[in-house]
């Protein structure tokens, strides 16, 4: 597979309630105030934030061009995707999961403490 940054961007923005912003000179995609995906400055690498369990599944499925981000970011579920090697179908699924994960996290944060 080979994916363009424009496709990654369209798939990210297809998530209900998402919007594109700028963060340190590169594009980021947010939902409910949380970043769920980014594109690097060169727009060759997309990053999605998955739940650690989903990230583990994705990495074990051995998708080309997919790896955990370095260090603590990777442990938190951030997953790098080399767009030139990526398959559109699973990137779309990963973005949908990242958006749901961001939405769930934002809801959890807003829940009043009892």
N, C-alpha and C. Protein backbone atom coordinates (compact mmCIF):
# COMPACT_ATOMS: atom_id res chain seq x y z
N UNK A 1 0.83 -1.20 0.00
CA UNK A 1 0.00 0.00 0.00
C UNK A 1 0.86 1.24 0.00
N UNK A 2 0.27 2.32 -0.40
CA UNK A 2 0.95 3.61 -0.32
C UNK A 2 -0.15 4.63 -0.12
N UNK A 3 0.06 5.47 0.87
CA UNK A 3 -0.99 6.39 1.24
C UNK A 3 -0.44 7.81 1.16
N UNK A 4 -1.24 8.74 0.74
CA UNK A 4 -0.82 10.14 0.70
C UNK A 4 -1.23 10.83 1.99
N UNK A 5 -0.48 11.88 2.32
CA UNK A 5 -0.83 12.68 3.50
C UNK A 5 -2.25 13.22 3.36
N UNK A 6 -2.65 13.56 2.13
CA UNK A 6 -4.00 14.10 1.93
C UNK A 6 -5.07 13.06 2.30
N UNK A 7 -4.77 11.77 2.05
CA UNK A 7 -5.73 10.71 2.42
C UNK A 7 -5.79 10.56 3.94
N UNK A 8 -4.61 10.59 4.58
CA UNK A 8 -4.56 10.50 6.04
C UNK A 8 -5.37 11.63 6.65
N UNK A 9 -5.17 12.84 6.11
CA UNK A 9 -5.88 14.04 6.59
C UNK A 9 -7.39 13.86 6.40
N UNK A 10 -7.83 13.40 5.21
CA UNK A 10 -9.28 13.23 4.98
C UNK A 10 -9.87 12.21 5.92
N UNK A 11 -9.14 11.10 6.14
CA UNK A 11 -9.64 10.06 7.04
C UNK A 11 -9.73 10.58 8.47
N UNK A 12 -8.73 11.36 8.89
CA UNK A 12 -8.74 11.93 10.25
C UNK A 12 -9.93 12.88 10.40
N UNK A 13 -10.13 13.73 9.37
CA UNK A 13 -11.21 14.73 9.46
C UNK A 13 -12.58 14.12 9.22
N UNK A 14 -12.62 12.87 8.74
CA UNK A 14 -13.90 12.18 8.58
C UNK A 14 -14.46 11.71 9.92
N UNK A 15 -13.62 11.73 10.98
CA UNK A 15 -14.11 11.30 12.30
C UNK A 15 -15.06 12.38 12.82
N UNK A 16 -16.27 11.97 13.26
CA UNK A 16 -17.25 12.97 13.70
C UNK A 16 -16.68 13.86 14.80
N UNK A 17 -16.80 15.19 14.60
CA UNK A 17 -16.37 16.12 15.63
C UNK A 17 -14.88 16.46 15.60
N UNK A 18 -14.14 15.95 14.61
CA UNK A 18 -12.71 16.22 14.60
C UNK A 18 -12.40 17.53 13.90
N UNK A 19 -11.24 18.11 14.23
CA UNK A 19 -10.80 19.33 13.55
C UNK A 19 -9.28 19.30 13.44
N UNK A 20 -8.77 20.07 12.47
CA UNK A 20 -7.32 20.12 12.27
C UNK A 20 -6.76 21.36 12.92
N UNK A 21 -5.63 21.21 13.58
CA UNK A 21 -4.93 22.35 14.18
C UNK A 21 -3.47 22.29 13.81
N UNK A 22 -2.71 23.21 14.36
CA UNK A 22 -1.27 23.25 14.13
C UNK A 22 -0.59 23.11 15.49
N UNK A 23 0.49 22.38 15.53
CA UNK A 23 1.16 22.11 16.79
C UNK A 23 2.64 22.05 16.46
N UNK A 24 3.45 22.99 16.95
CA UNK A 24 4.89 23.02 16.65
C UNK A 24 5.16 22.87 15.15
N UNK A 25 4.37 23.54 14.32
CA UNK A 25 4.64 23.54 12.89
C UNK A 25 4.18 22.31 12.12
N UNK A 26 3.48 21.39 12.77
CA UNK A 26 2.92 20.29 11.99
C UNK A 26 1.44 20.14 12.30
N UNK A 27 0.74 19.42 11.42
CA UNK A 27 -0.71 19.30 11.54
C UNK A 27 -1.07 18.34 12.67
N UNK A 28 -2.08 18.69 13.44
CA UNK A 28 -2.63 17.72 14.38
C UNK A 28 -4.15 17.68 14.23
N UNK A 29 -4.71 16.56 14.65
CA UNK A 29 -6.15 16.33 14.52
C UNK A 29 -6.69 16.08 15.90
N UNK A 30 -7.71 16.86 16.27
CA UNK A 30 -8.24 16.81 17.63
C UNK A 30 -9.71 16.46 17.64
N UNK A 31 -10.10 15.86 18.74
CA UNK A 31 -11.49 15.55 18.97
C UNK A 31 -11.74 15.79 20.45
N UNK A 32 -12.78 16.55 20.77
CA UNK A 32 -13.10 16.85 22.17
C UNK A 32 -11.87 17.42 22.89
N UNK A 33 -11.10 18.25 22.17
CA UNK A 33 -9.95 18.90 22.80
C UNK A 33 -8.71 18.04 22.94
N UNK A 34 -8.76 16.81 22.46
CA UNK A 34 -7.61 15.92 22.58
C UNK A 34 -7.05 15.56 21.22
N UNK A 35 -5.72 15.56 21.14
CA UNK A 35 -5.07 15.18 19.89
C UNK A 35 -5.17 13.66 19.74
N UNK A 36 -5.70 13.21 18.60
CA UNK A 36 -5.77 11.76 18.37
C UNK A 36 -4.86 11.33 17.22
N UNK A 37 -4.38 12.28 16.42
CA UNK A 37 -3.49 11.94 15.32
C UNK A 37 -2.70 13.18 14.93
N UNK A 38 -1.51 12.95 14.36
CA UNK A 38 -0.70 14.06 13.85
C UNK A 38 -0.02 13.63 12.55
N UNK A 39 0.42 14.62 11.80
CA UNK A 39 1.28 14.40 10.62
C UNK A 39 2.59 15.11 10.90
N UNK A 40 3.72 14.50 10.57
CA UNK A 40 4.99 15.20 10.80
C UNK A 40 5.17 16.30 9.77
N UNK A 41 6.21 17.14 9.96
CA UNK A 41 6.41 18.29 9.05
C UNK A 41 6.54 17.87 7.60
N UNK A 42 7.21 16.74 7.36
CA UNK A 42 7.41 16.29 5.98
C UNK A 42 6.13 15.66 5.40
N UNK A 43 5.16 15.40 6.29
CA UNK A 43 3.91 14.73 5.93
C UNK A 43 4.15 13.33 5.35
N UNK A 44 5.21 12.68 5.82
CA UNK A 44 5.51 11.30 5.43
C UNK A 44 5.12 10.32 6.53
N UNK A 45 5.02 10.82 7.75
CA UNK A 45 4.72 9.98 8.91
C UNK A 45 3.45 10.49 9.59
N UNK A 46 2.51 9.60 9.77
CA UNK A 46 1.32 9.92 10.55
C UNK A 46 1.47 9.23 11.90
N UNK A 47 0.93 9.85 12.95
CA UNK A 47 0.93 9.21 14.27
C UNK A 47 -0.51 9.15 14.75
N UNK A 48 -0.90 7.99 15.27
CA UNK A 48 -2.23 7.85 15.87
C UNK A 48 -2.05 7.46 17.33
N UNK A 49 -2.94 7.95 18.19
CA UNK A 49 -2.89 7.56 19.58
C UNK A 49 -3.94 6.49 19.82
N UNK A 50 -3.48 5.28 20.10
CA UNK A 50 -4.38 4.14 20.32
C UNK A 50 -4.36 3.77 21.78
N UNK A 51 -5.34 2.98 22.20
CA UNK A 51 -5.24 2.41 23.53
C UNK A 51 -4.06 1.44 23.47
N UNK A 52 -3.31 1.25 24.57
CA UNK A 52 -2.18 0.33 24.53
C UNK A 52 -2.57 -1.08 24.04
N UNK A 53 -3.76 -1.55 24.37
CA UNK A 53 -4.19 -2.88 23.93
C UNK A 53 -4.35 -2.93 22.41
N UNK A 54 -4.97 -1.89 21.86
CA UNK A 54 -5.18 -1.83 20.40
C UNK A 54 -3.84 -1.68 19.68
N UNK A 55 -2.94 -0.88 20.27
CA UNK A 55 -1.62 -0.70 19.68
C UNK A 55 -0.89 -2.05 19.61
N UNK A 56 -0.98 -2.81 20.69
CA UNK A 56 -0.34 -4.12 20.78
C UNK A 56 -0.86 -5.03 19.67
N UNK A 57 -2.19 -5.02 19.49
CA UNK A 57 -2.84 -5.81 18.42
C UNK A 57 -2.30 -5.42 17.04
N UNK A 58 -2.25 -4.10 16.81
CA UNK A 58 -1.83 -3.58 15.52
C UNK A 58 -0.38 -3.96 15.24
N UNK A 59 0.49 -3.80 16.24
CA UNK A 59 1.91 -4.10 16.04
C UNK A 59 2.12 -5.60 15.85
N UNK A 60 1.34 -6.40 16.55
CA UNK A 60 1.45 -7.85 16.40
C UNK A 60 0.95 -8.34 15.04
N UNK A 61 0.05 -7.59 14.43
CA UNK A 61 -0.46 -7.95 13.11
C UNK A 61 0.60 -7.66 12.05
N UNK A 62 1.69 -7.00 12.47
CA UNK A 62 2.85 -6.81 11.60
C UNK A 62 2.52 -6.04 10.33
N UNK A 63 1.86 -4.92 10.49
CA UNK A 63 1.57 -4.06 9.33
C UNK A 63 2.85 -3.36 8.91
N UNK A 64 3.09 -3.27 7.63
CA UNK A 64 4.27 -2.57 7.11
C UNK A 64 4.20 -1.10 7.51
N UNK A 65 5.36 -0.57 7.89
CA UNK A 65 5.45 0.87 8.15
C UNK A 65 4.86 1.32 9.46
N UNK A 66 4.60 0.38 10.35
CA UNK A 66 3.92 0.71 11.60
C UNK A 66 4.82 0.38 12.78
N UNK A 67 5.04 1.31 13.69
CA UNK A 67 5.84 1.03 14.89
C UNK A 67 5.40 1.93 16.04
N UNK A 68 5.66 1.47 17.26
CA UNK A 68 5.37 2.31 18.42
C UNK A 68 6.30 3.51 18.40
N UNK A 69 5.81 4.67 18.82
CA UNK A 69 6.67 5.84 18.95
C UNK A 69 7.72 5.55 20.03
N UNK A 70 8.76 6.35 20.07
CA UNK A 70 9.87 6.10 21.00
C UNK A 70 9.45 6.34 22.46
N UNK A 71 10.00 5.54 23.34
CA UNK A 71 9.92 5.79 24.79
C UNK A 71 8.52 5.83 25.36
N UNK A 72 8.31 6.78 26.26
CA UNK A 72 7.04 6.89 27.00
C UNK A 72 5.86 7.14 26.07
N UNK A 73 6.09 7.88 24.98
CA UNK A 73 5.01 8.14 24.02
C UNK A 73 4.48 6.82 23.48
N UNK A 74 5.40 5.94 23.09
CA UNK A 74 5.01 4.65 22.55
C UNK A 74 4.25 3.83 23.58
N UNK A 75 4.73 3.87 24.83
CA UNK A 75 4.04 3.11 25.90
C UNK A 75 2.65 3.67 26.16
N UNK A 76 2.45 4.95 25.87
CA UNK A 76 1.13 5.57 26.06
C UNK A 76 0.20 5.28 24.89
N UNK A 77 0.68 4.55 23.88
CA UNK A 77 -0.20 4.18 22.76
C UNK A 77 0.04 4.93 21.47
N UNK A 78 1.01 5.86 21.47
CA UNK A 78 1.30 6.59 20.23
C UNK A 78 2.00 5.66 19.24
N UNK A 79 1.46 5.60 18.02
CA UNK A 79 1.92 4.63 17.02
C UNK A 79 2.23 5.37 15.72
N UNK A 80 3.46 5.20 15.23
CA UNK A 80 3.90 5.87 14.00
C UNK A 80 3.57 5.03 12.78
N UNK A 81 3.13 5.70 11.73
CA UNK A 81 2.77 5.03 10.49
C UNK A 81 3.52 5.70 9.34
N UNK A 82 4.35 4.95 8.67
CA UNK A 82 5.04 5.47 7.49
C UNK A 82 4.05 5.38 6.33
N UNK A 83 3.57 6.53 5.89
CA UNK A 83 2.45 6.55 4.94
C UNK A 83 2.78 5.85 3.63
N UNK A 84 4.02 5.92 3.17
CA UNK A 84 4.39 5.31 1.90
C UNK A 84 4.22 3.79 1.92
N UNK A 85 4.24 3.21 3.13
CA UNK A 85 4.13 1.75 3.26
C UNK A 85 2.74 1.32 3.74
N UNK A 86 1.92 2.29 4.11
CA UNK A 86 0.70 1.97 4.84
C UNK A 86 -0.46 1.57 3.93
N UNK A 87 -1.32 0.76 4.49
CA UNK A 87 -2.53 0.32 3.81
C UNK A 87 -3.71 1.17 4.30
N UNK A 88 -4.40 1.79 3.36
CA UNK A 88 -5.47 2.73 3.70
C UNK A 88 -6.52 2.12 4.63
N UNK A 89 -6.91 0.88 4.39
CA UNK A 89 -7.99 0.27 5.18
C UNK A 89 -7.64 0.20 6.66
N UNK A 90 -6.43 -0.27 7.02
CA UNK A 90 -6.15 -0.36 8.45
C UNK A 90 -5.81 0.98 9.06
N UNK A 91 -5.30 1.92 8.25
CA UNK A 91 -5.06 3.27 8.77
C UNK A 91 -6.41 3.91 9.10
N UNK A 92 -7.40 3.69 8.24
CA UNK A 92 -8.74 4.22 8.51
C UNK A 92 -9.29 3.65 9.82
N UNK A 93 -9.10 2.34 10.02
CA UNK A 93 -9.56 1.70 11.26
C UNK A 93 -8.80 2.23 12.46
N UNK A 94 -7.49 2.43 12.31
CA UNK A 94 -6.67 2.96 13.42
C UNK A 94 -7.11 4.38 13.78
N UNK A 95 -7.39 5.20 12.77
CA UNK A 95 -7.85 6.57 13.04
C UNK A 95 -9.21 6.58 13.72
N UNK A 96 -10.10 5.69 13.31
CA UNK A 96 -11.42 5.61 13.95
C UNK A 96 -11.26 5.22 15.42
N UNK A 97 -10.36 4.27 15.69
CA UNK A 97 -10.12 3.85 17.06
C UNK A 97 -9.50 5.00 17.87
N UNK A 98 -8.53 5.70 17.27
CA UNK A 98 -7.86 6.81 17.96
C UNK A 98 -8.87 7.90 18.33
N UNK A 99 -9.80 8.17 17.40
CA UNK A 99 -10.83 9.19 17.65
C UNK A 99 -11.75 8.75 18.79
N UNK A 100 -12.16 7.49 18.78
CA UNK A 100 -13.01 6.97 19.87
C UNK A 100 -12.30 7.02 21.21
N UNK A 101 -11.00 6.67 21.17
CA UNK A 101 -10.19 6.67 22.38
C UNK A 101 -10.08 8.09 22.96
N UNK A 102 -9.88 9.08 22.09
CA UNK A 102 -9.80 10.48 22.51
C UNK A 102 -11.12 10.93 23.11
N UNK A 103 -12.22 10.54 22.45
CA UNK A 103 -13.55 10.93 22.92
C UNK A 103 -13.83 10.32 24.29
N UNK A 104 -13.52 9.03 24.43
CA UNK A 104 -13.73 8.34 25.71
C UNK A 104 -12.89 8.97 26.81
N UNK A 105 -11.65 9.33 26.47
CA UNK A 105 -10.75 9.94 27.46
C UNK A 105 -11.27 11.31 27.90
N UNK A 106 -11.80 12.07 26.94
CA UNK A 106 -12.31 13.39 27.29
C UNK A 106 -13.57 13.28 28.15
N UNK A 107 -14.40 12.29 27.87
CA UNK A 107 -15.61 12.08 28.69
C UNK A 107 -15.22 11.67 30.10
N UNK A 108 -14.24 10.78 30.21
CA UNK A 108 -13.80 10.30 31.51
C UNK A 108 -13.28 11.47 32.35
N UNK A 109 -12.57 12.40 31.68
CA UNK A 109 -11.99 13.53 32.40
C UNK A 109 -13.07 14.47 32.90
N UNK A 110 -14.14 14.60 32.10
CA UNK A 110 -15.19 15.55 32.48
C UNK A 110 -16.15 14.99 33.52
N UNK A 111 -16.11 13.69 33.74
CA UNK A 111 -17.06 13.10 34.67
C UNK A 111 -16.83 13.66 36.08
N UNK A 112 -17.89 14.10 36.75
CA UNK A 112 -17.67 14.65 38.09
C UNK A 112 -17.16 13.58 39.04
N UNK A 113 -16.27 13.99 39.93
CA UNK A 113 -15.75 13.03 40.91
C UNK A 113 -16.80 12.81 42.00
N UNK A 114 -17.01 11.55 42.39
CA UNK A 114 -18.02 11.28 43.40
C UNK A 114 -17.34 10.88 44.70
